[in-house]
Amino acid sequence: MVSLDDSVIARLEKFGHKFEIRVDPDFAMQVKQGKNIELDKLLATNQVFKDVRAGDLASPEHITKVFGSTDMKIVAYKIIKDGEVQLTTEQRKQMQEKKRAEIISFISRNAMNPQTKTPPPPIRIENAMEQAKINIDAFKSSEEQVTQIVAALRPIIPISLEKIHFAIKVPTQYAGRASSIIHKFELKKEDWLNDGSLAAEFFLPAGMKQDLLNELNSITKGEVIVKIIE
């Protein structure tokens, strides 16, 4: 269980009743984002209160009326998802900084300069976000925020979430291993030629371009033919 000192209060008011539980702030945010977290990592106690600080427990009748169950996981998840997780100012700041770093990393891996087909460096993304005065929502996932953020960055830096369209041809002796690699990405077509070699087209984020080329060159000893399709 989470220690009381490290926990915060999650609260939900519904049908005139107040319900409070003590939760780990980081795992509570993950629950808000739809992740499944074990209760012993999420909760400081297995009790539902109407006032945590006073130690007043919520009645089982009220819990059943509002949540339709007394199952602790059902109740806790409902309180967290539909209610408010009370973070301190410092906790909110730390979570926003962590989310900002996640978003910068996500954009660097998945976006590209449409003119050069190269990923933007993280420091350039960070500076552009500061210039655009981007507000980060610590309670939303990176994926939910990226599209809007990239749109706000376009007047400042050339950036797009479009993926690079690759075409490759791999000699027979390396084709099987190459096929397993490209199947990790958005495959457009895969043709096995009469001589056993592989010709394929696929899309991948710009930030993964160099890692992919390194991997393909490694397994084919440099014999892979790669073309970027405009």
Foldseek 3Di string as FASTA:
>chain_A
DDAQVQWFWQWDADPNAIKIFTFRVVVLLVLLQPDDDDPVNTGNDLFIASDVVVPHGDDPVVQCVVQVDSPSVSSVSCSSNVTDTDDDPVVQVVLQVVQVVVLLVVQQQQKAQVVVLAGDDSVVLVVLCVVLVDDGDSSYHSVVCNVVSQVSSCVPGRMDRFWWKKKKKADQVQAVVLVVVQVVFAWDDWDQDPNNIIITITTGGNNCVVVSVVVRCVSRVNPMDMDTDD
